[in-house]
Structure formats: C-alpha cells, structure tokens
Amino acid sequence: MSVVISVRVPRWVKEKLEEHGVNIAELVRRKLIEEARRLEEEELDRELEEVGRILAERIDPYEVAVLVREDRRSR
C-alpha cells in the first residue's frame, strides 16, 4: 500500500524541472527510497557495532585462539 506525500517548492524549481523533462514524482519517489535505505543501513551499522562491542567484552581472544588450535589439531 502506498501513501501520498505533498511538498511545496518554489514555482521556479517546478518549472525548471519540467523544462528539462524531469518526471518529478519519479525523482521524489526514488530519492525518498534511497534515503530510507541509507537510514536503514546506518541503523544496522550502529546495531552491529553494539553487538561487536558486547561480544568483545564477553569473548576472550586468547580462549578463541586456544579453541582454534585444538580444532586444527583434531583434524
């Protein structure tokens, strides 16, 4: 389902875009979708950093190295 968003711009902006054959609705739609995706990516980056920070506090790098060595020897 979609919604309608209206925006007020100076008349000269609309006229200039029309003069150059720009599909204003498509342009606005595309830019809004790009911005929403960018915001989602930023949010995911923040969440991944938080998870990484939490895991770094809980996992001992020395213990990981020992477990990797043990696993390699068992092969």
N, C-alpha and C. Protein backbone atom coordinates (compact mmCIF):
# COMPACT_ATOMS: atom_id res chain seq x y z
N MET A 1 0.85 -1.17 0.00
CA MET A 1 0.00 0.00 0.00
C MET A 1 0.90 1.24 0.00
N SER A 2 0.50 2.23 -0.69
CA SER A 2 1.29 3.45 -0.75
C SER A 2 0.51 4.61 -0.15
N VAL A 3 1.23 5.68 0.13
CA VAL A 3 0.62 6.89 0.68
C VAL A 3 1.00 8.07 -0.20
N VAL A 4 0.26 9.14 -0.06
CA VAL A 4 0.53 10.35 -0.83
C VAL A 4 1.25 11.35 0.06
N ILE A 5 2.34 11.90 -0.45
CA ILE A 5 3.07 12.95 0.25
C ILE A 5 3.08 14.16 -0.67
N SER A 6 2.74 15.30 -0.13
CA SER A 6 2.81 16.51 -0.95
C SER A 6 3.90 17.41 -0.39
N VAL A 7 4.51 18.15 -1.29
CA VAL A 7 5.59 19.03 -0.89
C VAL A 7 5.45 20.36 -1.63
N ARG A 8 5.76 21.42 -0.94
CA ARG A 8 5.66 22.74 -1.55
C ARG A 8 7.08 23.20 -1.90
N VAL A 9 7.26 23.58 -3.17
CA VAL A 9 8.55 24.09 -3.65
C VAL A 9 8.31 25.40 -4.38
N PRO A 10 9.34 26.22 -4.52
CA PRO A 10 9.16 27.44 -5.30
C PRO A 10 8.75 27.11 -6.74
N ARG A 11 7.94 27.96 -7.30
CA ARG A 11 7.43 27.73 -8.65
C ARG A 11 8.57 27.54 -9.65
N TRP A 12 9.65 28.33 -9.51
CA TRP A 12 10.75 28.25 -10.48
C TRP A 12 11.40 26.87 -10.48
N VAL A 13 11.41 26.21 -9.32
CA VAL A 13 12.00 24.87 -9.25
C VAL A 13 11.17 23.90 -10.10
N LYS A 14 9.86 23.92 -9.90
CA LYS A 14 8.98 23.05 -10.67
C LYS A 14 9.10 23.34 -12.16
N GLU A 15 9.09 24.62 -12.51
CA GLU A 15 9.18 25.00 -13.92
C GLU A 15 10.50 24.55 -14.55
N LYS A 16 11.60 24.71 -13.81
CA LYS A 16 12.91 24.32 -14.33
C LYS A 16 12.97 22.81 -14.54
N LEU A 17 12.44 22.04 -13.59
CA LEU A 17 12.44 20.58 -13.73
C LEU A 17 11.58 20.15 -14.92
N GLU A 18 10.42 20.74 -15.05
CA GLU A 18 9.55 20.41 -16.18
C GLU A 18 10.20 20.80 -17.50
N GLU A 19 10.88 21.94 -17.51
CA GLU A 19 11.57 22.43 -18.70
C GLU A 19 12.58 21.38 -19.20
N HIS A 20 13.18 20.68 -18.26
CA HIS A 20 14.19 19.68 -18.60
C HIS A 20 13.62 18.26 -18.69
N GLY A 21 12.31 18.17 -18.66
CA GLY A 21 11.66 16.87 -18.84
C GLY A 21 11.80 15.92 -17.67
N VAL A 22 12.02 16.44 -16.49
CA VAL A 22 12.16 15.60 -15.31
C VAL A 22 10.80 15.12 -14.84
N ASN A 23 10.70 13.82 -14.60
CA ASN A 23 9.49 13.25 -14.01
C ASN A 23 9.60 13.49 -12.51
N ILE A 24 8.94 14.53 -12.02
CA ILE A 24 9.10 14.97 -10.64
C ILE A 24 8.66 13.88 -9.66
N ALA A 25 7.55 13.26 -9.90
CA ALA A 25 7.05 12.23 -8.99
C ALA A 25 8.05 11.08 -8.88
N GLU A 26 8.59 10.65 -10.02
CA GLU A 26 9.55 9.55 -10.01
C GLU A 26 10.83 9.95 -9.30
N LEU A 27 11.29 11.18 -9.55
CA LEU A 27 12.50 11.68 -8.90
C LEU A 27 12.34 11.70 -7.38
N VAL A 28 11.23 12.25 -6.91
CA VAL A 28 10.99 12.33 -5.47
C VAL A 28 10.87 10.93 -4.88
N ARG A 29 10.13 10.05 -5.55
CA ARG A 29 9.96 8.68 -5.08
C ARG A 29 11.32 7.99 -4.94
N ARG A 30 12.15 8.10 -5.98
CA ARG A 30 13.46 7.45 -5.98
C ARG A 30 14.35 7.99 -4.86
N LYS A 31 14.36 9.32 -4.69
CA LYS A 31 15.20 9.93 -3.65
C LYS A 31 14.74 9.55 -2.25
N LEU A 32 13.44 9.48 -2.04
CA LEU A 32 12.93 9.08 -0.73
C LEU A 32 13.27 7.63 -0.42
N ILE A 33 13.18 6.76 -1.42
CA ILE A 33 13.55 5.36 -1.23
C ILE A 33 15.03 5.25 -0.92
N GLU A 34 15.87 5.98 -1.65
CA GLU A 34 17.32 5.96 -1.39
C GLU A 34 17.63 6.42 0.03
N GLU A 35 16.96 7.46 0.47
CA GLU A 35 17.20 7.98 1.82
C GLU A 35 16.75 6.97 2.88
N ALA A 36 15.61 6.33 2.67
CA ALA A 36 15.13 5.33 3.62
C ALA A 36 16.12 4.17 3.71
N ARG A 37 16.65 3.74 2.58
CA ARG A 37 17.64 2.65 2.59
C ARG A 37 18.93 3.08 3.29
N ARG A 38 19.36 4.31 3.05
CA ARG A 38 20.57 4.82 3.70
C ARG A 38 20.40 4.84 5.22
N LEU A 39 19.22 5.28 5.66
CA LEU A 39 18.94 5.32 7.09
C LEU A 39 18.91 3.92 7.69
N GLU A 40 18.35 2.96 6.95
CA GLU A 40 18.34 1.56 7.42
C GLU A 40 19.76 1.03 7.56
N GLU A 41 20.61 1.34 6.58
CA GLU A 41 21.99 0.88 6.64
C GLU A 41 22.73 1.49 7.83
N GLU A 42 22.50 2.77 8.09
CA GLU A 42 23.12 3.41 9.25
C GLU A 42 22.66 2.77 10.54
N GLU A 43 21.37 2.46 10.62
CA GLU A 43 20.82 1.82 11.81
C GLU A 43 21.45 0.44 12.00
N LEU A 44 21.57 -0.32 10.93
CA LEU A 44 22.19 -1.64 11.02
C LEU A 44 23.66 -1.53 11.42
N ASP A 45 24.37 -0.56 10.89
CA ASP A 45 25.76 -0.35 11.27
C ASP A 45 25.88 -0.09 12.76
N ARG A 46 25.01 0.77 13.29
CA ARG A 46 25.04 1.07 14.73
C ARG A 46 24.76 -0.19 15.55
N GLU A 47 23.78 -0.99 15.11
CA GLU A 47 23.43 -2.21 15.83
C GLU A 47 24.58 -3.21 15.78
N LEU A 48 25.24 -3.34 14.62
CA LEU A 48 26.38 -4.26 14.51
C LEU A 48 27.54 -3.82 15.39
N GLU A 49 27.78 -2.52 15.45
CA GLU A 49 28.83 -2.02 16.33
C GLU A 49 28.53 -2.35 17.78
N GLU A 50 27.28 -2.21 18.17
CA GLU A 50 26.87 -2.52 19.54
C GLU A 50 27.05 -4.01 19.83
N VAL A 51 26.63 -4.85 18.91
CA VAL A 51 26.80 -6.30 19.09
C VAL A 51 28.28 -6.65 19.18
N GLY A 52 29.08 -6.04 18.32
CA GLY A 52 30.52 -6.28 18.35
C GLY A 52 31.13 -5.86 19.67
N ARG A 53 30.69 -4.73 20.20
CA ARG A 53 31.19 -4.25 21.48
C ARG A 53 30.81 -5.21 22.60
N ILE A 54 29.57 -5.66 22.57
CA ILE A 54 29.11 -6.60 23.60
C ILE A 54 29.89 -7.91 23.52
N LEU A 55 30.06 -8.43 22.31
CA LEU A 55 30.78 -9.69 22.14
C LEU A 55 32.25 -9.54 22.52
N ALA A 56 32.84 -8.41 22.20
CA ALA A 56 34.25 -8.19 22.54
C ALA A 56 34.45 -8.24 24.06
N GLU A 57 33.45 -7.80 24.79
CA GLU A 57 33.54 -7.84 26.25
C GLU A 57 33.38 -9.25 26.80
N ARG A 58 32.73 -10.13 26.06
CA ARG A 58 32.41 -11.46 26.56
C ARG A 58 33.34 -12.55 26.06
N ILE A 59 34.01 -12.32 24.95
CA ILE A 59 34.84 -13.36 24.35
C ILE A 59 36.31 -13.01 24.56
N ASP A 60 37.03 -13.96 25.15
CA ASP A 60 38.46 -13.78 25.39
C ASP A 60 39.22 -14.20 24.13
N PRO A 61 39.95 -13.29 23.50
CA PRO A 61 40.68 -13.62 22.27
C PRO A 61 41.66 -14.78 22.48
N TYR A 62 42.28 -14.87 23.66
CA TYR A 62 43.21 -15.96 23.95
C TYR A 62 42.46 -17.30 23.91
N GLU A 63 41.29 -17.34 24.51
CA GLU A 63 40.49 -18.57 24.54
C GLU A 63 40.08 -18.97 23.12
N VAL A 64 39.74 -18.02 22.29
CA VAL A 64 39.40 -18.31 20.90
C VAL A 64 40.59 -18.93 20.19
N ALA A 65 41.78 -18.37 20.39
CA ALA A 65 42.98 -18.90 19.76
C ALA A 65 43.23 -20.33 20.20
N VAL A 66 43.05 -20.62 21.49
CA VAL A 66 43.24 -21.98 22.01
C VAL A 66 42.25 -22.93 21.36
N LEU A 67 41.01 -22.53 21.26
CA LEU A 67 39.98 -23.38 20.66
C LEU A 67 40.26 -23.65 19.17
N VAL A 68 40.73 -22.63 18.46
CA VAL A 68 41.07 -22.81 17.04
C VAL A 68 42.22 -23.79 16.90
N ARG A 69 43.25 -23.63 17.74
CA ARG A 69 44.40 -24.56 17.69
C ARG A 69 43.96 -26.00 17.96
N GLU A 70 43.14 -26.17 18.99
CA GLU A 70 42.65 -27.51 19.33
C GLU A 70 41.86 -28.11 18.17
N ASP A 71 41.03 -27.31 17.54
CA ASP A 71 40.22 -27.79 16.42
C ASP A 71 41.12 -28.20 15.26
N ARG A 72 42.14 -27.42 14.97
CA ARG A 72 43.05 -27.75 13.87
C ARG A 72 43.81 -29.03 14.16
N ARG A 73 44.21 -29.23 15.39
CA ARG A 73 44.96 -30.45 15.74
C ARG A 73 44.07 -31.69 15.64
N SER A 74 42.78 -31.53 15.87
CA SER A 74 41.90 -32.69 15.85
C SER A 74 41.57 -33.16 14.45
N ARG A 75 41.97 -32.42 13.46
CA ARG A 75 41.65 -32.80 12.07
C ARG A 75 42.62 -33.78 11.53
